[in-house]
């Protein structure tokens, strides 16, 4: 079974060999503009496979969600996953079904003393 990323690499190769964007769009069932954008991102290295969250990383988020904000959790996760952003922490927390017990205005770093 081919992954999305394998498929995009195959499209890149075919495009380099002269296949038209219309032909690639017809073959994939994607819109022409989507094919253009996807191939452009893949060509410059901005399309990469998603990074998988490990059970340990999920555990860190779950353990600290109620007592720290996402910026602090992201800093804590730097040891396990360099480059993780607070946006990624927020997104993962939502997928894990976590919610803050207090209003968001209370979760600013300067209020966390």
PDB file of N, CA and C in Angstrom:
ATOM      1  N   UNK A   1       0.844  -1.188   0.000  1.00  0.00           N
ATOM      2  CA  UNK A   1       0.000   0.000   0.000  1.00  0.00           C
ATOM      3  C   UNK A   1       0.883   1.242   0.000  1.00  0.00           C
ATOM      4  N   UNK A   2       0.626   2.116  -0.886  1.00  0.00           N
ATOM      5  CA  UNK A   2       1.405   3.338  -1.038  1.00  0.00           C
ATOM      6  C   UNK A   2       0.891   4.424  -0.104  1.00  0.00           C
ATOM      7  N   UNK A   3       1.802   5.135   0.504  1.00  0.00           N
ATOM      8  CA  UNK A   3       1.394   6.242   1.358  1.00  0.00           C
ATOM      9  C   UNK A   3       1.221   7.496   0.511  1.00  0.00           C
ATOM     10  N   UNK A   4       0.621   8.480   1.103  1.00  0.00           N
ATOM     11  CA  UNK A   4       0.422   9.773   0.451  1.00  0.00           C
ATOM     12  C   UNK A   4       1.760  10.341  -0.018  1.00  0.00           C
ATOM     13  N   UNK A   5       2.774  10.243   0.829  1.00  0.00           N
ATOM     14  CA  UNK A   5       4.080  10.822   0.520  1.00  0.00           C
ATOM     15  C   UNK A   5       4.771  10.073  -0.613  1.00  0.00           C
ATOM     16  N   UNK A   6       4.594   8.760  -0.665  1.00  0.00           N
ATOM     17  CA  UNK A   6       5.125   7.983  -1.789  1.00  0.00           C
ATOM     18  C   UNK A   6       4.431   8.404  -3.087  1.00  0.00           C
ATOM     19  N   UNK A   7       3.134   8.627  -2.983  1.00  0.00           N
ATOM     20  CA  UNK A   7       2.360   9.023  -4.152  1.00  0.00           C
ATOM     21  C   UNK A   7       2.817  10.390  -4.665  1.00  0.00           C
ATOM     22  N   UNK A   8       3.059  11.318  -3.740  1.00  0.00           N
ATOM     23  CA  UNK A   8       3.514  12.651  -4.138  1.00  0.00           C
ATOM     24  C   UNK A   8       4.897  12.560  -4.788  1.00  0.00           C
ATOM     25  N   UNK A   9       5.778  11.750  -4.234  1.00  0.00           N
ATOM     26  CA  UNK A   9       7.106  11.585  -4.834  1.00  0.00           C
ATOM     27  C   UNK A   9       6.993  10.999  -6.241  1.00  0.00           C
ATOM     28  N   UNK A  10       6.081  10.069  -6.423  1.00  0.00           N
ATOM     29  CA  UNK A  10       5.851   9.496  -7.745  1.00  0.00           C
ATOM     30  C   UNK A  10       5.354  10.573  -8.714  1.00  0.00           C
ATOM     31  N   UNK A  11       4.449  11.433  -8.244  1.00  0.00           N
ATOM     32  CA  UNK A  11       3.950  12.524  -9.081  1.00  0.00           C
ATOM     33  C   UNK A  11       5.070  13.492  -9.437  1.00  0.00           C
ATOM     34  N   UNK A  12       5.943  13.773  -8.474  1.00  0.00           N
ATOM     35  CA  UNK A  12       7.084  14.656  -8.740  1.00  0.00           C
ATOM     36  C   UNK A  12       7.964  14.076  -9.852  1.00  0.00           C
ATOM     37  N   UNK A  13       8.225  12.804  -9.775  1.00  0.00           N
ATOM     38  CA  UNK A  13       9.054  12.135 -10.778  1.00  0.00           C
ATOM     39  C   UNK A  13       8.389  12.203 -12.146  1.00  0.00           C
ATOM     40  N   UNK A  14       7.105  11.919 -12.176  1.00  0.00           N
ATOM     41  CA  UNK A  14       6.373  11.962 -13.450  1.00  0.00           C
ATOM     42  C   UNK A  14       6.328  13.368 -14.026  1.00  0.00           C
ATOM     43  N   UNK A  15       6.171  14.364 -13.152  1.00  0.00           N
ATOM     44  CA  UNK A  15       6.150  15.765 -13.596  1.00  0.00           C
ATOM     45  C   UNK A  15       7.510  16.152 -14.181  1.00  0.00           C
ATOM     46  N   UNK A  16       8.590  15.702 -13.536  1.00  0.00           N
ATOM     47  CA  UNK A  16       9.941  15.989 -14.026  1.00  0.00           C
ATOM     48  C   UNK A  16      10.183  15.339 -15.387  1.00  0.00           C
ATOM     49  N   UNK A  17       9.505  14.242 -15.653  1.00  0.00           N
ATOM     50  CA  UNK A  17       9.659  13.545 -16.940  1.00  0.00           C
ATOM     51  C   UNK A  17       8.723  14.099 -18.013  1.00  0.00           C
ATOM     52  N   UNK A  18       7.943  15.129 -17.661  1.00  0.00           N
ATOM     53  CA  UNK A  18       7.135  15.805 -18.674  1.00  0.00           C
ATOM     54  C   UNK A  18       5.641  15.633 -18.585  1.00  0.00           C
ATOM     55  N   UNK A  19       5.128  14.956 -17.571  1.00  0.00           N
ATOM     56  CA  UNK A  19       3.674  14.806 -17.443  1.00  0.00           C
ATOM     57  C   UNK A  19       3.046  16.165 -17.140  1.00  0.00           C
ATOM     58  N   UNK A  20       1.910  16.427 -17.727  1.00  0.00           N
ATOM     59  CA  UNK A  20       1.238  17.714 -17.498  1.00  0.00           C
ATOM     60  C   UNK A  20       0.507  17.697 -16.158  1.00  0.00           C
ATOM     61  N   UNK A  21       0.286  18.892 -15.635  1.00  0.00           N
ATOM     62  CA  UNK A  21      -0.453  19.005 -14.375  1.00  0.00           C
ATOM     63  C   UNK A  21      -1.877  18.485 -14.546  1.00  0.00           C
ATOM     64  N   UNK A  22      -2.476  18.746 -15.707  1.00  0.00           N
ATOM     65  CA  UNK A  22      -3.838  18.273 -15.966  1.00  0.00           C
ATOM     66  C   UNK A  22      -3.888  16.748 -15.935  1.00  0.00           C
ATOM     67  N   UNK A  23      -2.896  16.117 -16.524  1.00  0.00           N
ATOM     68  CA  UNK A  23      -2.830  14.654 -16.528  1.00  0.00           C
ATOM     69  C   UNK A  23      -2.707  14.109 -15.102  1.00  0.00           C
ATOM     70  N   UNK A  24      -1.840  14.738 -14.296  1.00  0.00           N
ATOM     71  CA  UNK A  24      -1.654  14.294 -12.912  1.00  0.00           C
ATOM     72  C   UNK A  24      -2.918  14.526 -12.083  1.00  0.00           C
ATOM     73  N   UNK A  25      -3.599  15.647 -12.325  1.00  0.00           N
ATOM     74  CA  UNK A  25      -4.836  15.943 -11.603  1.00  0.00           C
ATOM     75  C   UNK A  25      -5.920  14.928 -11.963  1.00  0.00           C
ATOM     76  N   UNK A  26      -6.010  14.607 -13.234  1.00  0.00           N
ATOM     77  CA  UNK A  26      -7.002  13.633 -13.686  1.00  0.00           C
ATOM     78  C   UNK A  26      -6.732  12.258 -13.072  1.00  0.00           C
ATOM     79  N   UNK A  27      -5.466  11.876 -13.038  1.00  0.00           N
ATOM     80  CA  UNK A  27      -5.081  10.572 -12.494  1.00  0.00           C
ATOM     81  C   UNK A  27      -5.365  10.455 -10.997  1.00  0.00           C
ATOM     82  N   UNK A  28      -5.086  11.519 -10.254  1.00  0.00           N
ATOM     83  CA  UNK A  28      -5.250  11.469  -8.796  1.00  0.00           C
ATOM     84  C   UNK A  28      -6.669  11.783  -8.345  1.00  0.00           C
ATOM     85  N   UNK A  29      -7.410  12.515  -9.187  1.00  0.00           N
ATOM     86  CA  UNK A  29      -8.739  12.954  -8.781  1.00  0.00           C
ATOM     87  C   UNK A  29      -8.682  14.234  -7.945  1.00  0.00           C
ATOM     88  N   UNK A  30      -7.498  14.840  -7.875  1.00  0.00           N
ATOM     89  CA  UNK A  30      -7.335  16.088  -7.129  1.00  0.00           C
ATOM     90  C   UNK A  30      -7.582  17.266  -8.061  1.00  0.00           C
ATOM     91  N   UNK A  31      -7.905  18.406  -7.491  1.00  0.00           N
ATOM     92  CA  UNK A  31      -8.070  19.611  -8.283  1.00  0.00           C
ATOM     93  C   UNK A  31      -6.707  20.050  -8.815  1.00  0.00           C
ATOM     94  N   UNK A  32      -6.727  20.717  -9.961  1.00  0.00           N
ATOM     95  CA  UNK A  32      -5.498  21.152 -10.604  1.00  0.00           C
ATOM     96  C   UNK A  32      -4.656  22.022  -9.663  1.00  0.00           C
ATOM     97  N   UNK A  33      -5.297  22.974  -9.006  1.00  0.00           N
ATOM     98  CA  UNK A  33      -4.565  23.868  -8.094  1.00  0.00           C
ATOM     99  C   UNK A  33      -3.954  23.081  -6.936  1.00  0.00           C
ATOM    100  N   UNK A  34      -4.655  22.073  -6.436  1.00  0.00           N
ATOM    101  CA  UNK A  34      -4.117  21.234  -5.353  1.00  0.00           C
ATOM    102  C   UNK A  34      -2.857  20.514  -5.795  1.00  0.00           C
ATOM    103  N   UNK A  35      -2.880  19.982  -7.004  1.00  0.00           N
ATOM    104  CA  UNK A  35      -1.703  19.285  -7.530  1.00  0.00           C
ATOM    105  C   UNK A  35      -0.530  20.257  -7.624  1.00  0.00           C
ATOM    106  N   UNK A  36      -0.787  21.471  -8.108  1.00  0.00           N
ATOM    107  CA  UNK A  36       0.278  22.476  -8.212  1.00  0.00           C
ATOM    108  C   UNK A  36       0.895  22.781  -6.859  1.00  0.00           C
ATOM    109  N   UNK A  37       0.042  23.027  -5.862  1.00  0.00           N
ATOM    110  CA  UNK A  37       0.516  23.395  -4.529  1.00  0.00           C
ATOM    111  C   UNK A  37       1.266  22.237  -3.873  1.00  0.00           C
ATOM    112  N   UNK A  38       0.715  21.044  -3.962  1.00  0.00           N
ATOM    113  CA  UNK A  38       1.344  19.873  -3.340  1.00  0.00           C
ATOM    114  C   UNK A  38       2.712  19.607  -3.959  1.00  0.00           C
ATOM    115  N   UNK A  39       2.803  19.652  -5.266  1.00  0.00           N
ATOM    116  CA  UNK A  39       4.086  19.412  -5.927  1.00  0.00           C
ATOM    117  C   UNK A  39       5.091  20.519  -5.620  1.00  0.00           C
ATOM    118  N   UNK A  40       4.611  21.747  -5.550  1.00  0.00           N
ATOM    119  CA  UNK A  40       5.496  22.863  -5.208  1.00  0.00           C
ATOM    120  C   UNK A  40       6.067  22.691  -3.801  1.00  0.00           C
ATOM    121  N   UNK A  41       5.219  22.360  -2.841  1.00  0.00           N
ATOM    122  CA  UNK A  41       5.679  22.157  -1.469  1.00  0.00           C
ATOM    123  C   UNK A  41       6.646  20.973  -1.375  1.00  0.00           C
ATOM    124  N   UNK A  42       6.345  19.911  -2.073  1.00  0.00           N
ATOM    125  CA  UNK A  42       7.220  18.733  -2.043  1.00  0.00           C
ATOM    126  C   UNK A  42       8.575  19.056  -2.665  1.00  0.00           C
ATOM    127  N   UNK A  43       8.570  19.845  -3.731  1.00  0.00           N
ATOM    128  CA  UNK A  43       9.804  20.188  -4.431  1.00  0.00           C
ATOM    129  C   UNK A  43      10.751  20.978  -3.544  1.00  0.00           C
ATOM    130  N   UNK A  44      10.221  21.858  -2.703  1.00  0.00           N
ATOM    131  CA  UNK A  44      11.078  22.705  -1.853  1.00  0.00           C
ATOM    132  C   UNK A  44      11.259  22.131  -0.449  1.00  0.00           C
ATOM    133  N   UNK A  45      10.752  20.927  -0.227  1.00  0.00           N
ATOM    134  CA  UNK A  45      10.971  20.271   1.064  1.00  0.00           C
ATOM    135  C   UNK A  45      10.017  20.676   2.169  1.00  0.00           C
ATOM    136  N   UNK A  46       8.879  21.290   1.819  1.00  0.00           N
ATOM    137  CA  UNK A  46       7.931  21.714   2.844  1.00  0.00           C
ATOM    138  C   UNK A  46       6.772  20.742   3.022  1.00  0.00           C
ATOM    139  N   UNK A  47       6.884  19.597   2.401  1.00  0.00           N
ATOM    140  CA  UNK A  47       5.869  18.562   2.559  1.00  0.00           C
ATOM    141  C   UNK A  47       6.588  17.334   3.082  1.00  0.00           C
ATOM    142  N   UNK A  48       6.344  17.020   4.319  1.00  0.00           N
ATOM    143  CA  UNK A  48       7.036  15.886   4.920  1.00  0.00           C
ATOM    144  C   UNK A  48       6.033  15.037   5.687  1.00  0.00           C
ATOM    145  N   UNK A  49       6.370  13.792   5.935  1.00  0.00           N
ATOM    146  CA  UNK A  49       5.454  12.917   6.669  1.00  0.00           C
ATOM    147  C   UNK A  49       5.179  13.467   8.060  1.00  0.00           C
ATOM    148  N   UNK A  50       3.992  13.239   8.580  1.00  0.00           N
ATOM    149  CA  UNK A  50       3.677  13.735   9.920  1.00  0.00           C
ATOM    150  C   UNK A  50       4.532  13.040  10.967  1.00  0.00           C
ATOM    151  N   UNK A  51       4.849  13.775  12.005  1.00  0.00           N
ATOM    152  CA  UNK A  51       5.614  13.210  13.112  1.00  0.00           C
ATOM    153  C   UNK A  51       4.617  12.528  14.050  1.00  0.00           C
ATOM    154  N   UNK A  52       4.904  11.330  14.422  1.00  0.00           N
ATOM    155  CA  UNK A  52       4.009  10.574  15.302  1.00  0.00           C
ATOM    156  C   UNK A  52       4.255  10.944  16.757  1.00  0.00           C
ATOM    157  N   UNK A  53       3.187  11.100  17.502  1.00  0.00           N
ATOM    158  CA  UNK A  53       3.288  11.351  18.937  1.00  0.00           C
ATOM    159  C   UNK A  53       3.478  10.010  19.630  1.00  0.00           C
ATOM    160  N   UNK A  54       4.402   9.976  20.569  1.00  0.00           N
ATOM    161  CA  UNK A  54       4.655   8.745  21.312  1.00  0.00           C
ATOM    162  C   UNK A  54       3.762   8.714  22.549  1.00  0.00           C
ATOM    163  N   UNK A  55       3.542   7.543  23.120  1.00  0.00           N
ATOM    164  CA  UNK A  55       2.766   7.458  24.356  1.00  0.00           C
ATOM    165  C   UNK A  55       3.396   8.292  25.486  1.00  0.00           C
ATOM    166  N   UNK A  56       4.719   8.361  25.543  1.00  0.00           N
ATOM    167  CA  UNK A  56       5.397   9.159  26.580  1.00  0.00           C
ATOM    168  C   UNK A  56       5.095  10.647  26.403  1.00  0.00           C
ATOM    169  N   UNK A  57       5.097  11.138  25.172  1.00  0.00           N
ATOM    170  CA  UNK A  57       4.779  12.541  24.919  1.00  0.00           C
ATOM    171  C   UNK A  57       3.328  12.843  25.293  1.00  0.00           C
ATOM    172  N   UNK A  58       2.426  11.936  24.945  1.00  0.00           N
ATOM    173  CA  UNK A  58       1.023  12.092  25.337  1.00  0.00           C
ATOM    174  C   UNK A  58       0.888  12.117  26.854  1.00  0.00           C
ATOM    175  N   UNK A  59       1.662  11.289  27.523  1.00  0.00           N
ATOM    176  CA  UNK A  59       1.614  11.227  28.980  1.00  0.00           C
ATOM    177  C   UNK A  59       2.064  12.556  29.598  1.00  0.00           C
ATOM    178  N   UNK A  60       3.116  13.152  29.049  1.00  0.00           N
ATOM    179  CA  UNK A  60       3.600  14.444  29.553  1.00  0.00           C
ATOM    180  C   UNK A  60       2.510  15.499  29.403  1.00  0.00           C
ATOM    181  N   UNK A  61       1.871  15.542  28.250  1.00  0.00           N
ATOM    182  CA  UNK A  61       0.799  16.521  28.035  1.00  0.00           C
ATOM    183  C   UNK A  61      -0.338  16.288  29.022  1.00  0.00           C
ATOM    184  N   UNK A  62      -0.756  15.048  29.161  1.00  0.00           N
ATOM    185  CA  UNK A  62      -1.869  14.716  30.055  1.00  0.00           C
ATOM    186  C   UNK A  62      -1.555  15.055  31.505  1.00  0.00           C
ATOM    187  N   UNK A  63      -0.348  14.734  31.946  1.00  0.00           N
ATOM    188  CA  UNK A  63       0.038  14.982  33.343  1.00  0.00           C
ATOM    189  C   UNK A  63       0.116  16.467  33.678  1.00  0.00           C
ATOM    190  N   UNK A  64       0.534  17.282  32.726  1.00  0.00           N
ATOM    191  CA  UNK A  64       0.795  18.692  33.011  1.00  0.00           C
ATOM    192  C   UNK A  64      -0.274  19.641  32.483  1.00  0.00           C
ATOM    193  N   UNK A  65      -1.270  19.137  31.796  1.00  0.00           N
ATOM    194  CA  UNK A  65      -2.263  19.980  31.156  1.00  0.00           C
ATOM    195  C   UNK A  65      -3.013  20.872  32.147  1.00  0.00           C
ATOM    196  N   UNK A  66      -3.362  20.340  33.295  1.00  0.00           N
ATOM    197  CA  UNK A  66      -4.145  21.114  34.263  1.00  0.00           C
ATOM    198  C   UNK A  66      -3.309  22.072  35.105  1.00  0.00           C
ATOM    199  N   UNK A  67      -1.994  21.935  35.075  1.00  0.00           N
ATOM    200  CA  UNK A  67      -1.165  22.773  35.952  1.00  0.00           C
ATOM    201  C   UNK A  67      -0.190  23.671  35.196  1.00  0.00           C
ATOM    202  N   UNK A  68      -0.061  23.511  33.887  1.00  0.00           N
ATOM    203  CA  UNK A  68       0.843  24.338  33.093  1.00  0.00           C
ATOM    204  C   UNK A  68       0.148  24.772  31.810  1.00  0.00           C
ATOM    205  N   UNK A  69       0.653  25.853  31.205  1.00  0.00           N
ATOM    206  CA  UNK A  69       0.100  26.262  29.919  1.00  0.00           C
ATOM    207  C   UNK A  69       0.856  25.571  28.792  1.00  0.00           C
ATOM    208  N   UNK A  70       0.393  25.736  27.578  1.00  0.00           N
ATOM    209  CA  UNK A  70       0.967  25.007  26.449  1.00  0.00           C
ATOM    210  C   UNK A  70       2.409  25.421  26.161  1.00  0.00           C
ATOM    211  N   UNK A  71       2.772  26.663  26.449  1.00  0.00           N
ATOM    212  CA  UNK A  71       4.157  27.106  26.252  1.00  0.00           C
ATOM    213  C   UNK A  71       5.102  26.327  27.175  1.00  0.00           C
ATOM    214  N   UNK A  72       4.690  26.186  28.409  1.00  0.00           N
ATOM    215  CA  UNK A  72       5.520  25.461  29.375  1.00  0.00           C
ATOM    216  C   UNK A  72       5.612  23.975  29.032  1.00  0.00           C
ATOM    217  N   UNK A  73       4.505  23.412  28.600  1.00  0.00           N
ATOM    218  CA  UNK A  73       4.518  21.992  28.225  1.00  0.00           C
ATOM    219  C   UNK A  73       5.407  21.786  27.000  1.00  0.00           C
ATOM    220  N   UNK A  74       5.358  22.717  26.048  1.00  0.00           N
ATOM    221  CA  UNK A  74       6.214  22.610  24.865  1.00  0.00           C
ATOM    222  C   UNK A  74       7.686  22.648  25.264  1.00  0.00           C
ATOM    223  N   UNK A  75       8.038  23.529  26.205  1.00  0.00           N
ATOM    224  CA  UNK A  75       9.430  23.575  26.680  1.00  0.00           C
ATOM    225  C   UNK A  75       9.799  22.262  27.363  1.00  0.00           C
ATOM    226  N   UNK A  76       8.882  21.708  28.120  1.00  0.00           N
ATOM    227  CA  UNK A  76       9.127  20.437  28.810  1.00  0.00           C
ATOM    228  C   UNK A  76       9.333  19.300  27.786  1.00  0.00           C
ATOM    229  N   UNK A  77       8.582  19.341  26.690  1.00  0.00           N
ATOM    230  CA  UNK A  77       8.672  18.293  25.665  1.00  0.00           C
ATOM    231  C   UNK A  77       9.910  18.416  24.778  1.00  0.00           C
ATOM    232  N   UNK A  78      10.613  19.549  24.856  1.00  0.00           N
ATOM    233  CA  UNK A  78      11.789  19.750  24.006  1.00  0.00           C
ATOM    234  C   UNK A  78      12.805  18.622  24.159  1.00  0.00           C
ATOM    235  N   UNK A  79      12.892  18.047  25.358  1.00  0.00           N
ATOM    236  CA  UNK A  79      13.843  16.947  25.576  1.00  0.00           C
ATOM    237  C   UNK A  79      13.428  15.691  24.826  1.00  0.00           C
ATOM    238  N   UNK A  80      12.126  15.476  24.712  1.00  0.00           N
ATOM    239  CA  UNK A  80      11.617  14.276  24.041  1.00  0.00           C
ATOM    240  C   UNK A  80      11.438  14.475  22.540  1.00  0.00           C
ATOM    241  N   UNK A  81      11.113  15.712  22.167  1.00  0.00           N
ATOM    242  CA  UNK A  81      10.794  16.001  20.768  1.00  0.00           C
ATOM    243  C   UNK A  81      11.238  17.427  20.438  1.00  0.00           C
ATOM    244  N   UNK A  82      12.495  17.609  20.054  1.00  0.00           N
ATOM    245  CA  UNK A  82      12.987  18.956  19.756  1.00  0.00           C
ATOM    246  C   UNK A  82      12.153  19.635  18.677  1.00  0.00           C
ATOM    247  N   UNK A  83      11.886  20.911  18.884  1.00  0.00           N
ATOM    248  CA  UNK A  83      11.152  21.683  17.894  1.00  0.00           C
ATOM    249  C   UNK A  83       9.645  21.673  18.053  1.00  0.00           C
ATOM    250  N   UNK A  84       9.129  21.011  19.069  1.00  0.00           N
ATOM    251  CA  UNK A  84       7.676  20.981  19.258  1.00  0.00           C
ATOM    252  C   UNK A  84       7.201  22.381  19.656  1.00  0.00           C
ATOM    253  N   UNK A  85       6.106  22.839  19.063  1.00  0.00           N
ATOM    254  CA  UNK A  85       5.586  24.174  19.344  1.00  0.00           C
ATOM    255  C   UNK A  85       4.397  24.103  20.301  1.00  0.00           C
ATOM    256  N   UNK A  86       4.068  25.243  20.867  1.00  0.00           N
ATOM    257  CA  UNK A  86       2.897  25.273  21.751  1.00  0.00           C
ATOM    258  C   UNK A  86       1.622  25.031  20.947  1.00  0.00           C
ATOM    259  N   UNK A  87       1.620  25.391  19.662  1.00  0.00           N
ATOM    260  CA  UNK A  87       0.458  25.098  18.815  1.00  0.00           C
ATOM    261  C   UNK A  87       0.279  23.591  18.668  1.00  0.00           C
ATOM    262  N   UNK A  88       1.387  22.881  18.515  1.00  0.00           N
ATOM    263  CA  UNK A  88       1.328  21.423  18.397  1.00  0.00           C
ATOM    264  C   UNK A  88       0.812  20.806  19.687  1.00  0.00           C
ATOM    265  N   UNK A  89       1.233  21.361  20.830  1.00  0.00           N
ATOM    266  CA  UNK A  89       0.764  20.870  22.128  1.00  0.00           C
ATOM    267  C   UNK A  89      -0.740  21.084  22.253  1.00  0.00           C
ATOM    268  N   UNK A  90      -1.208  22.281  21.892  1.00  0.00           N
ATOM    269  CA  UNK A  90      -2.650  22.560  21.950  1.00  0.00           C
ATOM    270  C   UNK A  90      -3.440  21.621  21.048  1.00  0.00           C
ATOM    271  N   UNK A  91      -2.940  21.419  19.839  1.00  0.00           N
ATOM    272  CA  UNK A  91      -3.615  20.548  18.894  1.00  0.00           C
ATOM    273  C   UNK A  91      -3.683  19.115  19.415  1.00  0.00           C
ATOM    274  N   UNK A  92      -2.566  18.624  19.942  1.00  0.00           N
ATOM    275  CA  UNK A  92      -2.539  17.253  20.463  1.00  0.00           C
ATOM    276  C   UNK A  92      -3.460  17.112  21.672  1.00  0.00           C
ATOM    277  N   UNK A  93      -3.475  18.121  22.534  1.00  0.00           N
ATOM    278  CA  UNK A  93      -4.349  18.080  23.712  1.00  0.00           C
ATOM    279  C   UNK A  93      -5.816  17.987  23.291  1.00  0.00           C
ATOM    280  N   UNK A  94      -6.197  18.746  22.269  1.00  0.00           N
ATOM    281  CA  UNK A  94      -7.581  18.665  21.772  1.00  0.00           C
ATOM    282  C   UNK A  94      -7.884  17.260  21.263  1.00  0.00           C
ATOM    283  N   UNK A  95      -6.926  16.667  20.543  1.00  0.00           N
ATOM    284  CA  UNK A  95      -7.133  15.309  20.018  1.00  0.00           C
ATOM    285  C   UNK A  95      -7.202  14.272  21.136  1.00  0.00           C
ATOM    286  N   UNK A  96      -6.534  14.573  22.255  1.00  0.00           N
ATOM    287  CA  UNK A  96      -6.592  13.668  23.406  1.00  0.00           C
ATOM    288  C   UNK A  96      -7.845  13.910  24.249  1.00  0.00           C
ATOM    289  N   UNK A  97      -8.617  14.933  23.887  1.00  0.00           N
ATOM    290  CA  UNK A  97      -9.851  15.235  24.609  1.00  0.00           C
ATOM    291  C   UNK A  97      -9.638  16.021  25.885  1.00  0.00           C
ATOM    292  N   UNK A  98      -8.505  16.688  26.012  1.00  0.00           N
ATOM    293  CA  UNK A  98      -8.214  17.456  27.225  1.00  0.00           C
ATOM    294  C   UNK A  98      -8.798  18.855  27.116  1.00  0.00           C
ATOM    295  N   UNK A  99      -9.244  19.387  28.244  1.00  0.00           N
ATOM    296  CA  UNK A  99      -9.767  20.749  28.293  1.00  0.00           C
ATOM    297  C   UNK A  99      -9.291  21.394  29.589  1.00  0.00           C
ATOM    298  N   UNK A 100      -9.018  22.692  29.515  1.00  0.00           N
ATOM    299  CA  UNK A 100      -8.609  23.432  30.714  1.00  0.00           C
ATOM    300  C   UNK A 100      -9.811  23.602  31.633  1.00  0.00           C
ATOM    301  N   UNK A 101      -9.553  23.517  32.926  1.00  0.00           N
ATOM    302  CA  UNK A 101     -10.632  23.658  33.896  1.00  0.00           C
ATOM    303  C   UNK A 101     -10.910  25.111  34.226  1.00  0.00           C
ATOM    304  N   UNK A 102      -9.972  26.003  33.913  1.00  0.00           N
ATOM    305  CA  UNK A 102     -10.146  27.431  34.187  1.00  0.00           C
ATOM    306  C   UNK A 102     -10.192  28.200  32.876  1.00  0.00           C
ATOM    307  N   UNK A 103     -10.685  29.435  32.889  1.00  0.00           N
ATOM    308  CA  UNK A 103     -10.766  30.220  31.654  1.00  0.00           C
ATOM    309  C   UNK A 103      -9.379  30.450  31.040  1.00  0.00           C
ATOM    310  N   UNK A 104      -9.277  30.529  29.714  1.00  0.00           N
ATOM    311  CA  UNK A 104      -7.992  30.715  29.045  1.00  0.00           C
ATOM    312  C   UNK A 104      -7.226  31.962  29.485  1.00  0.00           C
ATOM    313  N   UNK A 105      -7.906  33.027  29.886  1.00  0.00           N
ATOM    314  CA  UNK A 105      -7.224  34.259  30.282  1.00  0.00           C
ATOM    315  C   UNK A 105      -6.296  34.032  31.475  1.00  0.00           C
ATOM    316  N   UNK A 106      -6.565  33.023  32.274  1.00  0.00           N
ATOM    317  CA  UNK A 106      -5.737  32.732  33.445  1.00  0.00           C
ATOM    318  C   UNK A 106      -4.463  31.982  33.095  1.00  0.00           C
ATOM    319  N   UNK A 107      -4.330  31.526  31.839  1.00  0.00           N
ATOM    320  CA  UNK A 107      -3.228  30.641  31.480  1.00  0.00           C
ATOM    321  C   UNK A 107      -2.069  31.362  30.793  1.00  0.00           C
ATOM    322  N   UNK A 108      -1.919  32.636  31.027  1.00  0.00           N
ATOM    323  CA  UNK A 108      -0.775  33.365  30.486  1.00  0.00           C
ATOM    324  C   UNK A 108       0.451  33.047  31.332  1.00  0.00           C
ATOM    325  N   UNK A 109       1.609  33.008  30.710  1.00  0.00           N
ATOM    326  CA  UNK A 109       2.845  32.633  31.402  1.00  0.00           C
ATOM    327  C   UNK A 109       3.105  33.544  32.591  1.00  0.00           C
ATOM    328  N   UNK A 110       2.840  34.850  32.456  1.00  0.00           N
ATOM    329  CA  UNK A 110       3.118  35.754  33.567  1.00  0.00           C
ATOM    330  C   UNK A 110       2.214  35.492  34.781  1.00  0.00           C
ATOM    331  N   UNK A 111       1.085  34.831  34.584  1.00  0.00           N
ATOM    332  CA  UNK A 111       0.185  34.504  35.689  1.00  0.00           C
ATOM    333  C   UNK A 111       0.547  33.176  36.358  1.00  0.00           C
ATOM    334  N   UNK A 112       1.517  32.451  35.804  1.00  0.00           N
ATOM    335  CA  UNK A 112       1.849  31.123  36.291  1.00  0.00           C
ATOM    336  C   UNK A 112       3.001  31.158  37.307  1.00  0.00           C
ATOM    337  N   UNK A 113       2.790  31.794  38.426  1.00  0.00           N
ATOM    338  CA  UNK A 113       3.836  31.847  39.456  1.00  0.00           C
ATOM    339  C   UNK A 113       3.406  31.146  40.708  1.00  0.00           C
TER     340      UNK A 113
END
